[in-house]
Protein backbone atom coordinates (compact mmCIF):
# COMPACT_ATOMS: atom_id res chain seq x y z
CA MET A 1 122.46 88.63 106.62
CA VAL A 2 123.45 92.08 108.15
CA PRO A 3 127.07 92.13 108.82
CA ASN A 4 128.04 92.27 112.49
CA ALA A 5 130.65 94.95 111.78
CA LEU A 6 127.89 97.19 110.26
CA ILE A 7 125.80 96.92 113.29
CA GLU A 8 128.74 97.63 115.63
CA THR A 9 129.74 100.67 113.55
CA ALA A 10 126.26 102.16 113.73
CA SER A 11 125.70 101.41 117.46
CA ARG A 12 129.22 102.43 118.64
CA PRO A 13 128.36 106.10 118.97
CA TYR A 14 125.82 105.26 121.78
CA ARG A 15 128.40 104.35 124.07
CA ALA A 16 128.86 108.03 124.83
CA ALA A 17 125.12 108.23 125.64
CA GLY A 18 125.10 105.28 128.20
CA ARG A 19 124.82 101.64 128.40
CA PHE A 20 121.08 101.49 127.95
CA ALA A 21 121.37 103.65 124.63
CA TRP A 22 124.23 101.46 123.37
CA HIS A 23 122.57 98.02 124.17
CA PHE A 24 119.19 99.22 122.84
CA ALA A 25 120.81 100.53 119.57
CA SER A 26 122.74 97.15 119.08
CA ALA A 27 119.58 95.18 119.55
CA LYS A 28 117.23 97.13 117.54
CA LEU A 29 119.63 97.35 114.58
CA ARG A 30 120.20 93.60 114.79
CA LEU A 31 116.63 92.44 115.18
CA ASP A 32 114.48 94.88 113.31
CA PRO A 33 114.38 94.17 109.56
CA PHE A 34 113.39 97.67 108.75
CA PHE A 35 116.93 99.05 108.82
CA ALA A 36 118.49 96.45 106.52
CA HIS A 37 115.51 96.72 104.24
CA LEU A 38 116.21 100.35 103.56
CA LEU A 39 119.61 99.65 102.40
CA ALA A 40 119.09 96.47 100.55
CA HIS A 41 116.21 97.81 98.46
CA GLU A 42 117.65 101.33 97.97
CA LEU A 43 114.71 103.20 99.48
CA ILE A 44 116.43 106.33 100.18
CA PRO A 45 118.38 108.21 97.49
CA ASP A 46 121.72 109.63 97.94
CA GLY A 47 121.65 113.37 98.95
CA ALA A 48 117.98 113.11 100.32
CA ARG A 49 116.66 115.43 102.93
CA ILE A 50 115.12 113.20 105.58
CA LEU A 51 112.36 113.84 107.91
CA ASP A 52 112.21 111.11 110.83
CA LEU A 53 108.96 111.26 112.66
CA GLY A 54 109.14 109.62 116.03
CA CYS A 55 112.93 109.35 115.67
CA GLY A 56 113.53 107.99 119.18
CA GLN A 57 117.19 108.10 119.98
CA GLY A 58 118.15 108.64 116.30
CA LEU A 59 118.88 105.15 115.08
CA LEU A 60 118.03 105.94 111.60
CA ALA A 61 120.52 108.64 111.38
CA ALA A 62 123.16 106.47 113.11
CA TRP A 63 122.42 103.63 110.70
CA LEU A 64 122.75 105.75 107.57
CA VAL A 65 125.76 107.66 108.64
CA GLY A 66 127.37 104.41 109.99
CA ALA A 67 126.62 102.41 106.77
CA HIS A 68 128.11 105.05 104.53
CA ALA A 69 131.39 105.34 106.62
CA TRP A 70 131.66 101.43 106.86
CA HIS A 71 131.01 101.05 103.17
CA ARG A 72 133.58 103.57 102.23
CA HIS A 73 136.31 101.66 104.31
CA ASP A 74 135.30 98.10 103.90
CA ALA A 75 133.05 97.77 100.88
CA GLY A 76 135.70 95.70 98.99
CA ARG A 77 135.64 92.73 101.42
CA ALA A 78 132.50 92.95 103.61
CA TRP A 79 129.59 94.84 102.10
CA PRO A 80 126.72 92.53 101.20
CA ALA A 81 127.07 91.61 97.52
CA ARG A 82 123.47 92.29 96.55
CA TRP A 83 123.07 95.55 98.35
CA PRO A 84 123.71 98.87 96.61
CA ALA A 85 126.15 101.44 97.89
CA PRO A 86 124.45 103.05 100.84
CA PRO A 87 123.12 106.67 100.56
CA MET A 88 124.59 109.80 102.28
CA PRO A 89 121.78 112.04 103.25
CA ARG A 90 122.12 115.73 102.69
CA SER A 91 120.17 116.28 105.86
CA ILE A 92 118.26 114.32 108.61
CA HIS A 93 115.74 116.18 110.74
CA GLY A 94 114.36 113.95 113.64
CA ILE A 95 111.41 114.67 115.88
CA ASP A 96 110.40 112.94 119.04
CA LEU A 97 108.32 113.60 122.15
CA THR A 98 110.64 111.93 124.69
CA PRO A 99 113.40 114.24 125.91
CA ARG A 100 115.64 111.44 127.20
CA ASP A 101 115.73 109.80 123.69
CA VAL A 102 116.27 113.19 122.03
CA ASP A 103 119.31 113.75 124.37
CA ARG A 104 120.72 110.33 123.58
CA ALA A 105 120.36 111.11 119.90
CA ARG A 106 122.29 114.40 120.15
CA ILE A 107 124.96 112.86 122.31
CA ALA A 108 125.52 109.98 119.79
CA LEU A 109 125.36 111.86 116.62
CA GLN A 110 127.10 115.16 117.86
CA ALA A 111 129.88 114.75 115.37
CA HIS A 112 127.36 115.12 112.50
CA GLU A 113 125.45 118.12 113.93
CA SER A 114 125.98 120.03 110.64
CA CYS A 115 123.75 117.64 108.76
CA VAL A 116 121.74 115.87 111.48
CA ARG A 117 119.29 117.65 113.91
CA PHE A 118 117.07 116.24 116.52
CA VAL A 119 113.98 118.31 117.94
CA CYS A 120 112.08 117.48 121.09
CA GLY A 121 108.56 117.91 119.99
CA ASP A 122 105.08 116.60 119.18
CA ILE A 123 104.70 115.37 115.69
CA ARG A 124 101.05 116.51 115.86
CA VAL A 125 102.14 120.27 115.90
CA ALA A 126 105.86 120.45 115.16
CA PRO A 127 106.81 122.20 112.06
CA PHE A 128 107.83 119.76 109.16
CA PRO A 129 110.73 120.98 107.07
CA GLN A 130 110.58 120.24 103.18
CA ALA A 131 111.81 116.75 102.57
CA ASP A 132 112.70 114.14 99.86
CA VAL A 133 112.00 111.15 102.27
CA VAL A 134 109.78 111.06 105.38
CA ILE A 135 110.12 108.13 107.60
CA ALA A 136 107.34 107.09 110.13
CA CYS A 137 108.18 103.82 111.55
CA ASP A 138 105.92 102.36 114.20
CA VAL A 139 104.75 105.78 115.44
CA LEU A 140 101.30 106.91 113.99
CA HIS A 141 99.44 104.33 116.16
CA TYR A 142 100.45 106.45 119.18
CA VAL A 143 98.29 109.32 118.21
CA ASP A 144 94.42 109.32 117.49
CA ALA A 145 92.69 108.90 114.25
CA ASN A 146 92.31 112.62 113.55
CA ALA A 147 95.97 113.44 114.29
CA GLN A 148 96.99 110.44 112.05
CA GLU A 149 95.11 112.09 109.16
CA SER A 150 96.35 115.51 109.98
CA ILE A 151 99.99 114.37 110.10
CA LEU A 152 99.74 112.61 106.78
CA ARG A 153 98.31 115.78 105.22
CA ARG A 154 101.15 117.80 106.37
CA VAL A 155 103.59 115.01 105.11
CA HIS A 156 102.04 115.22 101.74
CA ALA A 157 102.50 118.95 101.78
CA CYS A 158 106.30 118.82 102.94
CA LEU A 159 107.35 116.22 100.27
CA ASP A 160 108.89 117.70 97.20
CA ALA A 161 108.25 116.26 93.68
CA GLY A 162 109.39 112.70 93.53
CA GLY A 163 109.38 112.54 97.36
CA VAL A 164 108.44 109.38 99.34
CA LEU A 165 106.79 108.44 102.62
CA LEU A 166 108.12 105.24 104.29
CA LEU A 167 105.43 104.34 106.67
CA ARG A 168 105.70 101.03 108.63
CA ILE A 169 102.45 99.92 110.37
CA SER A 170 101.00 96.78 111.92
CA ASP A 171 98.08 95.32 110.24
CA ALA A 172 95.34 95.34 112.79
CA ALA A 173 93.47 92.69 110.80
CA ALA A 174 96.38 90.12 111.18
CA GLY A 175 94.86 88.26 114.18
CA TRP A 176 96.91 87.28 117.11
CA ARG A 177 100.18 88.62 115.53
CA ALA A 178 98.76 92.12 115.36
CA SER A 179 97.61 91.84 119.02
CA LEU A 180 101.23 90.84 119.90
CA ASP A 181 102.56 93.83 118.14
CA ARG A 182 100.19 96.12 120.10
CA ALA A 183 101.28 94.56 123.42
CA VAL A 184 104.90 95.16 122.49
CA ASP A 185 104.35 98.68 121.44
CA PHE A 186 102.38 99.50 124.49
CA GLY A 187 105.29 98.07 126.65
CA VAL A 188 107.85 100.03 124.72
CA GLN A 189 105.78 103.27 125.27
CA VAL A 190 105.70 102.74 128.88
CA ALA A 191 109.34 101.68 129.14
CA ARG A 192 110.73 104.62 127.12
CA SER A 193 108.47 107.50 128.23
CA GLY A 194 106.29 106.45 131.07
CA ARG A 195 103.21 107.39 128.98
CA THR A 196 100.23 104.93 128.90
CA SER A 197 98.02 106.35 126.18
CA GLY A 198 96.05 104.08 124.07
CA LEU A 199 96.97 102.87 120.62
CA THR A 200 94.96 103.74 117.54
CA VAL A 201 95.35 101.04 115.04
CA ARG A 202 94.11 100.30 111.56
CA SER A 203 93.95 97.45 109.14
CA GLU A 204 96.01 97.34 106.13
CA ALA A 205 92.97 98.13 104.03
CA GLN A 206 92.11 101.06 106.19
CA TRP A 207 95.54 102.62 105.91
CA LEU A 208 95.43 102.16 102.09
CA THR A 209 91.85 103.88 102.08
CA LEU A 210 93.29 106.86 104.15
CA LEU A 211 96.34 107.21 102.07
CA GLY A 212 94.41 107.10 98.85
CA ASP A 213 92.04 109.78 100.17
CA LEU A 214 95.03 111.99 100.79
CA ARG A 215 96.32 111.51 97.28
CA PHE A 216 99.17 109.00 97.90
CA GLN A 217 99.96 106.12 95.57
CA VAL A 218 101.05 103.14 97.69
CA THR A 219 103.09 100.05 97.21
CA ILE A 220 103.05 97.39 100.06
CA ARG A 221 105.90 95.30 101.24
CA PRO A 222 105.84 92.56 103.99
CA MET A 223 108.12 94.03 106.94
CA GLY A 224 108.21 91.15 109.38
CA HIS A 225 108.54 87.43 110.01
CA GLY A 226 107.32 85.06 112.69
CA THR A 227 105.39 86.67 115.34
CA HIS A 228 105.92 90.08 113.71
CA HIS A 229 104.20 88.88 110.47
CA ALA A 230 101.60 91.65 110.72
CA ASN A 231 104.04 94.51 109.95
CA ARG A 232 103.88 96.15 106.65
CA LEU A 233 105.88 98.73 104.91
CA LEU A 234 103.76 101.24 103.06
CA ILE A 235 105.76 103.10 100.31
CA ALA A 236 103.56 106.15 99.64
CA ARG A 237 104.33 108.76 96.97
CA PRO A 238 102.30 111.81 96.47
CA ALA A 239 99.97 111.50 93.48
CA GLY A 240 99.57 115.30 93.02
């Protein structure tokens, strides 16, 4: 179980960005298993340069910075016993299309602007810096199939040797659970940005074929439970 104090530490900076930003951060960090999974399974190395595609209001950065600070102060009595020490990234570069979310991210993480940067831009065309870890959590289904392939090609090019892409997707072949995921994502899209573009979804097998064609080696992990059982985390490493 994720300690409440860790969630509170990571979401507290969003108070400065408004009640919505704070409540959204608290709920997302508490309910979405993606964030805890990153720490529990040591998926991000210490000192990594991170590229966060579709970063939203910067929750990944807040989570990693908050976890590192909280562990440093409270590890002896409260850090989950089975979790390794959290990483402290060298840099985090976030890109998101929604100006309001980027503004919230900048306000919340302004104390860390020396190593955390947020850009308002379209991941289909925005420049990608060289990275050790690329995060694409619930974002590629918002662009069309050609753009998905183009983005993944550019991810492959920007990853240094030994780098990794952490890609969370919803398996379109997972029946009603996948349909529910699409409905939720469509609603979130409208609520956060006012955009109503369609979603481009693929089955787990189709994602694996695409990533294989682009010379990634992939490990799959389930990334949901209950109604979100369709979620998968694809851990993709450039094969050459």
